[in-house]
Amino acid sequence: MTEVKTLHIVIAEDDFDDADIVQQSFESNGNFTKIELVKNGQELLNLLRSCTSCPDVILTDINMPIMSGIEALKEIYTDPALKLIPCFVYSTSINPTYEAQFKELGVKGFLIKPYSFEEFDKIPSIIVEVLSAL
């Protein structure tokens, strides 16, 4: 079991309201000290490929413009420098076909986007719990 330290997370989310809510959820959780937001998969890859201090974890939406979360994850998991970063997916629904693709890639968790602030606040704890078990 891995000890969870303070974490750096990158969140890929194209919806402004969802991005704001999920960012607040991570800010209120003491396990996350650095939270970065990007608007699509291409921005995520650009950030990851240029980082000097890469994130400890990635949370990405599936359906985003320019490059989807699926496309970005395929790139991440084929890049030797990035494939060890634990990735989580969250979306309004998880299509079984997508879920199979994510499992094959090595995604650590699939989360359904909540409909309440209280449920959004659970996302950071779920991620910490999964990371603690790695």
N, C-alpha and C. Protein backbone atom coordinates (compact mmCIF):
# COMPACT_ATOMS: atom_id res chain seq x y z
N MET A 1 0.84 -1.19 0.00
CA MET A 1 0.00 0.00 0.00
C MET A 1 0.89 1.25 0.00
N THR A 2 0.54 2.20 -0.85
CA THR A 2 1.31 3.43 -0.98
C THR A 2 0.79 4.48 0.00
N GLU A 3 1.71 5.17 0.65
CA GLU A 3 1.30 6.27 1.53
C GLU A 3 0.95 7.47 0.66
N VAL A 4 -0.21 8.06 0.88
CA VAL A 4 -0.63 9.21 0.10
C VAL A 4 -0.04 10.47 0.71
N LYS A 5 0.65 11.23 -0.12
CA LYS A 5 1.24 12.50 0.29
C LYS A 5 0.35 13.61 -0.25
N THR A 6 0.81 14.83 -0.15
CA THR A 6 0.05 15.90 -0.80
C THR A 6 0.26 15.76 -2.30
N LEU A 7 -0.80 15.91 -3.03
CA LEU A 7 -0.80 15.55 -4.44
C LEU A 7 -0.97 16.74 -5.37
N HIS A 8 -0.42 16.57 -6.56
CA HIS A 8 -0.57 17.52 -7.66
C HIS A 8 -1.48 16.82 -8.69
N ILE A 9 -2.60 17.45 -9.02
CA ILE A 9 -3.54 16.87 -9.97
C ILE A 9 -3.76 17.82 -11.14
N VAL A 10 -3.93 17.23 -12.32
CA VAL A 10 -4.36 17.98 -13.50
C VAL A 10 -5.73 17.46 -13.87
N ILE A 11 -6.66 18.39 -14.07
CA ILE A 11 -8.04 18.06 -14.41
C ILE A 11 -8.33 18.59 -15.80
N ALA A 12 -8.77 17.70 -16.70
CA ALA A 12 -9.17 18.10 -18.05
C ALA A 12 -10.70 18.13 -18.09
N GLU A 13 -11.25 19.32 -18.24
CA GLU A 13 -12.71 19.51 -18.21
C GLU A 13 -13.07 20.71 -19.07
N ASP A 14 -13.93 20.51 -20.06
CA ASP A 14 -14.28 21.61 -20.96
C ASP A 14 -15.46 22.44 -20.48
N ASP A 15 -16.26 21.91 -19.58
CA ASP A 15 -17.42 22.65 -19.08
C ASP A 15 -16.98 23.56 -17.93
N PHE A 16 -17.17 24.86 -18.10
CA PHE A 16 -16.69 25.84 -17.12
C PHE A 16 -17.27 25.59 -15.74
N ASP A 17 -18.59 25.36 -15.65
CA ASP A 17 -19.22 25.16 -14.35
C ASP A 17 -18.71 23.90 -13.66
N ASP A 18 -18.62 22.80 -14.41
CA ASP A 18 -18.10 21.56 -13.82
C ASP A 18 -16.65 21.74 -13.37
N ALA A 19 -15.86 22.43 -14.19
CA ALA A 19 -14.45 22.66 -13.84
C ALA A 19 -14.34 23.45 -12.54
N ASP A 20 -15.18 24.46 -12.40
CA ASP A 20 -15.16 25.29 -11.20
C ASP A 20 -15.54 24.46 -9.96
N ILE A 21 -16.58 23.66 -10.08
CA ILE A 21 -17.05 22.86 -8.95
C ILE A 21 -16.02 21.80 -8.56
N VAL A 22 -15.49 21.09 -9.55
CA VAL A 22 -14.54 20.03 -9.23
C VAL A 22 -13.24 20.62 -8.68
N GLN A 23 -12.83 21.79 -9.18
CA GLN A 23 -11.64 22.44 -8.63
C GLN A 23 -11.86 22.79 -7.16
N GLN A 24 -13.02 23.34 -6.83
CA GLN A 24 -13.32 23.67 -5.44
C GLN A 24 -13.30 22.42 -4.55
N SER A 25 -13.80 21.31 -5.09
CA SER A 25 -13.80 20.05 -4.33
C SER A 25 -12.38 19.62 -3.98
N PHE A 26 -11.47 19.74 -4.94
CA PHE A 26 -10.08 19.35 -4.69
C PHE A 26 -9.39 20.35 -3.77
N GLU A 27 -9.72 21.64 -3.91
CA GLU A 27 -9.12 22.65 -3.04
C GLU A 27 -9.53 22.46 -1.58
N SER A 28 -10.73 21.96 -1.35
CA SER A 28 -11.20 21.78 0.02
C SER A 28 -10.72 20.46 0.64
N ASN A 29 -10.07 19.62 -0.17
CA ASN A 29 -9.52 18.36 0.32
C ASN A 29 -8.04 18.57 0.61
N GLY A 30 -7.62 18.32 1.81
CA GLY A 30 -6.24 18.59 2.21
C GLY A 30 -5.17 17.76 1.53
N ASN A 31 -5.56 16.76 0.76
CA ASN A 31 -4.57 15.91 0.10
C ASN A 31 -4.03 16.49 -1.20
N PHE A 32 -4.67 17.54 -1.71
CA PHE A 32 -4.27 18.10 -3.00
C PHE A 32 -3.77 19.53 -2.80
N THR A 33 -2.49 19.74 -3.11
CA THR A 33 -1.90 21.07 -2.91
C THR A 33 -1.72 21.83 -4.21
N LYS A 34 -1.71 21.13 -5.33
CA LYS A 34 -1.58 21.81 -6.63
C LYS A 34 -2.64 21.24 -7.56
N ILE A 35 -3.49 22.13 -8.07
CA ILE A 35 -4.59 21.74 -8.94
C ILE A 35 -4.49 22.58 -10.21
N GLU A 36 -4.33 21.90 -11.33
CA GLU A 36 -4.26 22.59 -12.62
C GLU A 36 -5.44 22.16 -13.48
N LEU A 37 -6.00 23.12 -14.21
CA LEU A 37 -7.14 22.85 -15.09
C LEU A 37 -6.74 23.08 -16.54
N VAL A 38 -7.18 22.18 -17.40
CA VAL A 38 -7.06 22.35 -18.84
C VAL A 38 -8.43 22.08 -19.45
N LYS A 39 -8.65 22.54 -20.69
CA LYS A 39 -9.98 22.49 -21.28
C LYS A 39 -10.22 21.33 -22.24
N ASN A 40 -9.17 20.60 -22.60
CA ASN A 40 -9.36 19.48 -23.53
C ASN A 40 -8.12 18.58 -23.49
N GLY A 41 -8.22 17.48 -24.22
CA GLY A 41 -7.13 16.52 -24.22
C GLY A 41 -5.83 17.06 -24.79
N GLN A 42 -5.93 17.93 -25.79
CA GLN A 42 -4.72 18.49 -26.38
C GLN A 42 -3.99 19.38 -25.38
N GLU A 43 -4.75 20.21 -24.66
CA GLU A 43 -4.12 21.04 -23.62
C GLU A 43 -3.49 20.17 -22.54
N LEU A 44 -4.15 19.06 -22.22
CA LEU A 44 -3.60 18.13 -21.23
C LEU A 44 -2.25 17.60 -21.70
N LEU A 45 -2.20 17.12 -22.94
CA LEU A 45 -0.94 16.58 -23.46
C LEU A 45 0.14 17.65 -23.54
N ASN A 46 -0.23 18.84 -23.98
CA ASN A 46 0.74 19.94 -24.05
C ASN A 46 1.33 20.22 -22.67
N LEU A 47 0.48 20.28 -21.66
CA LEU A 47 0.95 20.53 -20.30
C LEU A 47 1.87 19.41 -19.83
N LEU A 48 1.45 18.16 -20.05
CA LEU A 48 2.23 17.02 -19.58
C LEU A 48 3.59 16.94 -20.27
N ARG A 49 3.61 17.24 -21.55
CA ARG A 49 4.86 17.12 -22.30
C ARG A 49 5.83 18.27 -22.03
N SER A 50 5.33 19.32 -21.40
CA SER A 50 6.21 20.46 -21.10
C SER A 50 6.49 20.62 -19.61
N CYS A 51 5.94 19.75 -18.79
CA CYS A 51 6.08 19.93 -17.34
C CYS A 51 7.47 19.54 -16.86
N THR A 52 7.94 20.30 -15.90
CA THR A 52 9.18 19.93 -15.23
C THR A 52 8.87 19.13 -13.97
N SER A 53 7.70 19.37 -13.42
CA SER A 53 7.21 18.61 -12.27
C SER A 53 5.84 18.07 -12.66
N CYS A 54 5.84 16.84 -13.18
CA CYS A 54 4.59 16.27 -13.68
C CYS A 54 3.63 15.95 -12.53
N PRO A 55 2.34 15.90 -12.83
CA PRO A 55 1.35 15.65 -11.78
C PRO A 55 1.44 14.23 -11.22
N ASP A 56 0.88 14.08 -10.04
CA ASP A 56 0.79 12.77 -9.40
C ASP A 56 -0.41 11.99 -9.91
N VAL A 57 -1.40 12.71 -10.44
CA VAL A 57 -2.64 12.07 -10.87
C VAL A 57 -3.33 12.97 -11.90
N ILE A 58 -4.10 12.33 -12.79
CA ILE A 58 -4.86 13.02 -13.83
C ILE A 58 -6.32 12.61 -13.71
N LEU A 59 -7.21 13.60 -13.83
CA LEU A 59 -8.66 13.36 -13.90
C LEU A 59 -9.13 13.98 -15.20
N THR A 60 -9.75 13.20 -16.07
CA THR A 60 -10.20 13.74 -17.34
C THR A 60 -11.64 13.39 -17.65
N ASP A 61 -12.31 14.36 -18.24
CA ASP A 61 -13.63 14.14 -18.82
C ASP A 61 -13.42 13.32 -20.09
N ILE A 62 -14.47 12.72 -20.62
CA ILE A 62 -14.35 11.95 -21.85
C ILE A 62 -14.61 12.83 -23.06
N ASN A 63 -15.78 13.45 -23.10
CA ASN A 63 -16.20 14.21 -24.27
C ASN A 63 -15.79 15.67 -24.15
N MET A 64 -14.76 16.03 -24.93
CA MET A 64 -14.26 17.40 -24.95
C MET A 64 -13.93 17.77 -26.40
N PRO A 65 -13.98 19.06 -26.71
CA PRO A 65 -13.63 19.48 -28.07
C PRO A 65 -12.12 19.36 -28.32
N ILE A 66 -11.74 19.45 -29.55
CA ILE A 66 -10.35 19.41 -30.03
C ILE A 66 -9.75 18.01 -29.86
N MET A 67 -9.65 17.53 -28.64
CA MET A 67 -9.19 16.16 -28.39
C MET A 67 -9.92 15.62 -27.18
N SER A 68 -10.53 14.46 -27.34
CA SER A 68 -11.31 13.84 -26.26
C SER A 68 -10.39 13.27 -25.19
N GLY A 69 -10.99 12.93 -24.07
CA GLY A 69 -10.25 12.28 -23.01
C GLY A 69 -9.70 10.93 -23.44
N ILE A 70 -10.47 10.21 -24.26
CA ILE A 70 -10.02 8.90 -24.74
C ILE A 70 -8.76 9.04 -25.58
N GLU A 71 -8.79 9.99 -26.52
CA GLU A 71 -7.62 10.20 -27.38
C GLU A 71 -6.41 10.61 -26.55
N ALA A 72 -6.61 11.48 -25.59
CA ALA A 72 -5.50 11.92 -24.73
C ALA A 72 -4.94 10.76 -23.93
N LEU A 73 -5.81 9.93 -23.37
CA LEU A 73 -5.35 8.79 -22.57
C LEU A 73 -4.56 7.80 -23.42
N LYS A 74 -4.98 7.59 -24.65
CA LYS A 74 -4.22 6.69 -25.54
C LYS A 74 -2.81 7.22 -25.73
N GLU A 75 -2.68 8.53 -25.89
CA GLU A 75 -1.35 9.15 -26.04
C GLU A 75 -0.54 9.03 -24.74
N ILE A 76 -1.20 9.28 -23.63
CA ILE A 76 -0.52 9.21 -22.33
C ILE A 76 0.02 7.81 -22.08
N TYR A 77 -0.82 6.80 -22.32
CA TYR A 77 -0.43 5.43 -22.01
C TYR A 77 0.55 4.83 -23.01
N THR A 78 0.84 5.52 -24.12
CA THR A 78 1.88 5.04 -25.03
C THR A 78 3.17 5.84 -24.88
N ASP A 79 3.17 6.81 -24.01
CA ASP A 79 4.36 7.64 -23.77
C ASP A 79 5.07 7.13 -22.52
N PRO A 80 6.29 6.61 -22.67
CA PRO A 80 7.01 6.04 -21.52
C PRO A 80 7.18 7.02 -20.36
N ALA A 81 7.27 8.31 -20.65
CA ALA A 81 7.46 9.30 -19.59
C ALA A 81 6.17 9.62 -18.85
N LEU A 82 5.02 9.30 -19.45
CA LEU A 82 3.73 9.68 -18.86
C LEU A 82 2.88 8.51 -18.39
N LYS A 83 3.13 7.32 -18.90
CA LYS A 83 2.22 6.20 -18.67
C LYS A 83 2.13 5.73 -17.22
N LEU A 84 3.06 6.16 -16.39
CA LEU A 84 3.01 5.76 -14.98
C LEU A 84 2.16 6.68 -14.12
N ILE A 85 1.69 7.80 -14.70
CA ILE A 85 0.82 8.72 -13.94
C ILE A 85 -0.56 8.09 -13.83
N PRO A 86 -1.08 7.87 -12.63
CA PRO A 86 -2.42 7.30 -12.49
C PRO A 86 -3.47 8.24 -13.10
N CYS A 87 -4.35 7.66 -13.91
CA CYS A 87 -5.39 8.44 -14.58
C CYS A 87 -6.77 7.95 -14.16
N PHE A 88 -7.67 8.91 -13.99
CA PHE A 88 -9.06 8.65 -13.67
C PHE A 88 -9.93 9.35 -14.71
N VAL A 89 -11.06 8.74 -15.01
CA VAL A 89 -12.01 9.30 -15.98
C VAL A 89 -13.28 9.63 -15.24
N TYR A 90 -13.88 10.78 -15.60
CA TYR A 90 -15.21 11.07 -15.08
C TYR A 90 -16.04 11.67 -16.19
N SER A 91 -17.30 11.28 -16.22
CA SER A 91 -18.20 11.73 -17.28
C SER A 91 -19.63 11.58 -16.80
N THR A 92 -20.56 12.13 -17.58
CA THR A 92 -21.97 12.01 -17.20
C THR A 92 -22.44 10.56 -17.29
N SER A 93 -21.80 9.77 -18.13
CA SER A 93 -22.09 8.34 -18.20
C SER A 93 -20.86 7.63 -18.73
N ILE A 94 -20.72 6.38 -18.36
CA ILE A 94 -19.60 5.59 -18.86
C ILE A 94 -20.17 4.53 -19.79
N ASN A 95 -19.95 4.70 -21.06
CA ASN A 95 -20.35 3.75 -22.08
C ASN A 95 -19.54 2.46 -21.87
N PRO A 96 -20.18 1.29 -21.91
CA PRO A 96 -19.44 0.03 -21.70
C PRO A 96 -18.26 -0.15 -22.66
N THR A 97 -18.40 0.35 -23.88
CA THR A 97 -17.29 0.27 -24.84
C THR A 97 -16.12 1.11 -24.36
N TYR A 98 -16.41 2.32 -23.88
CA TYR A 98 -15.36 3.17 -23.34
C TYR A 98 -14.71 2.51 -22.13
N GLU A 99 -15.55 1.96 -21.27
CA GLU A 99 -15.03 1.34 -20.04
C GLU A 99 -14.04 0.23 -20.38
N ALA A 100 -14.36 -0.57 -21.38
CA ALA A 100 -13.45 -1.64 -21.80
C ALA A 100 -12.14 -1.06 -22.32
N GLN A 101 -12.22 0.02 -23.09
CA GLN A 101 -11.01 0.68 -23.59
C GLN A 101 -10.16 1.21 -22.44
N PHE A 102 -10.82 1.83 -21.47
CA PHE A 102 -10.09 2.40 -20.34
C PHE A 102 -9.41 1.32 -19.52
N LYS A 103 -10.10 0.22 -19.29
CA LYS A 103 -9.50 -0.88 -18.53
C LYS A 103 -8.28 -1.41 -19.25
N GLU A 104 -8.40 -1.55 -20.57
CA GLU A 104 -7.28 -2.05 -21.37
C GLU A 104 -6.08 -1.10 -21.29
N LEU A 105 -6.35 0.19 -21.28
CA LEU A 105 -5.28 1.19 -21.19
C LEU A 105 -4.61 1.19 -19.81
N GLY A 106 -5.39 0.92 -18.77
CA GLY A 106 -4.85 0.95 -17.41
C GLY A 106 -5.39 2.06 -16.54
N VAL A 107 -6.51 2.66 -16.95
CA VAL A 107 -7.14 3.72 -16.16
C VAL A 107 -7.48 3.16 -14.78
N LYS A 108 -7.22 3.96 -13.74
CA LYS A 108 -7.39 3.50 -12.35
C LYS A 108 -8.81 3.60 -11.83
N GLY A 109 -9.64 4.43 -12.44
CA GLY A 109 -11.01 4.56 -11.94
C GLY A 109 -11.91 5.30 -12.91
N PHE A 110 -13.19 4.97 -12.83
CA PHE A 110 -14.23 5.58 -13.66
C PHE A 110 -15.26 6.18 -12.72
N LEU A 111 -15.49 7.47 -12.84
CA LEU A 111 -16.42 8.15 -11.94
C LEU A 111 -17.52 8.80 -12.76
N ILE A 112 -18.75 8.66 -12.29
CA ILE A 112 -19.88 9.34 -12.93
C ILE A 112 -19.94 10.75 -12.36
N LYS A 113 -20.09 11.74 -13.27
CA LYS A 113 -20.21 13.13 -12.80
C LYS A 113 -21.44 13.27 -11.93
N PRO A 114 -21.26 13.80 -10.76
CA PRO A 114 -22.38 13.96 -9.83
C PRO A 114 -23.32 15.10 -10.24
N TYR A 115 -24.47 15.09 -9.61
CA TYR A 115 -25.46 16.14 -9.85
C TYR A 115 -25.59 17.09 -8.66
N SER A 116 -24.78 16.87 -7.62
CA SER A 116 -24.86 17.74 -6.45
C SER A 116 -23.46 18.12 -5.99
N PHE A 117 -23.36 19.26 -5.31
CA PHE A 117 -22.07 19.70 -4.77
C PHE A 117 -21.51 18.67 -3.80
N GLU A 118 -22.39 18.10 -2.99
CA GLU A 118 -21.95 17.13 -1.99
C GLU A 118 -21.29 15.92 -2.65
N GLU A 119 -21.86 15.48 -3.76
CA GLU A 119 -21.29 14.33 -4.46
C GLU A 119 -19.96 14.69 -5.13
N PHE A 120 -19.86 15.91 -5.67
CA PHE A 120 -18.58 16.36 -6.24
C PHE A 120 -17.49 16.33 -5.18
N ASP A 121 -17.85 16.68 -3.95
CA ASP A 121 -16.86 16.70 -2.86
C ASP A 121 -16.31 15.32 -2.53
N LYS A 122 -16.98 14.27 -2.97
CA LYS A 122 -16.50 12.90 -2.71
C LYS A 122 -15.42 12.47 -3.69
N ILE A 123 -15.34 13.12 -4.85
CA ILE A 123 -14.39 12.70 -5.89
C ILE A 123 -12.95 12.69 -5.39
N PRO A 124 -12.45 13.75 -4.75
CA PRO A 124 -11.06 13.70 -4.27
C PRO A 124 -10.79 12.54 -3.31
N SER A 125 -11.72 12.27 -2.42
CA SER A 125 -11.54 11.18 -1.46
C SER A 125 -11.51 9.82 -2.14
N ILE A 126 -12.33 9.65 -3.16
CA ILE A 126 -12.33 8.39 -3.92
C ILE A 126 -10.97 8.20 -4.58
N ILE A 127 -10.46 9.25 -5.19
CA ILE A 127 -9.15 9.16 -5.85
C ILE A 127 -8.05 8.85 -4.84
N VAL A 128 -8.06 9.52 -3.71
CA VAL A 128 -7.05 9.26 -2.66
C VAL A 128 -7.14 7.81 -2.19
N GLU A 129 -8.35 7.31 -2.02
CA GLU A 129 -8.53 5.93 -1.57
C GLU A 129 -7.93 4.94 -2.57
N VAL A 130 -8.19 5.16 -3.85
CA VAL A 130 -7.64 4.27 -4.88
C VAL A 130 -6.12 4.37 -4.91
N LEU A 131 -5.59 5.58 -4.87
CA LEU A 131 -4.14 5.77 -4.89
C LEU A 131 -3.47 5.13 -3.67
N SER A 132 -4.13 5.16 -2.54
CA SER A 132 -3.59 4.56 -1.32
C SER A 132 -3.45 3.05 -1.44
N ALA A 133 -4.30 2.46 -2.27
CA ALA A 133 -4.29 1.00 -2.43
C ALA A 133 -3.29 0.53 -3.50
N LEU A 134 -2.71 1.45 -4.23
CA LEU A 134 -1.77 1.06 -5.30
C LEU A 134 -0.45 0.59 -4.74
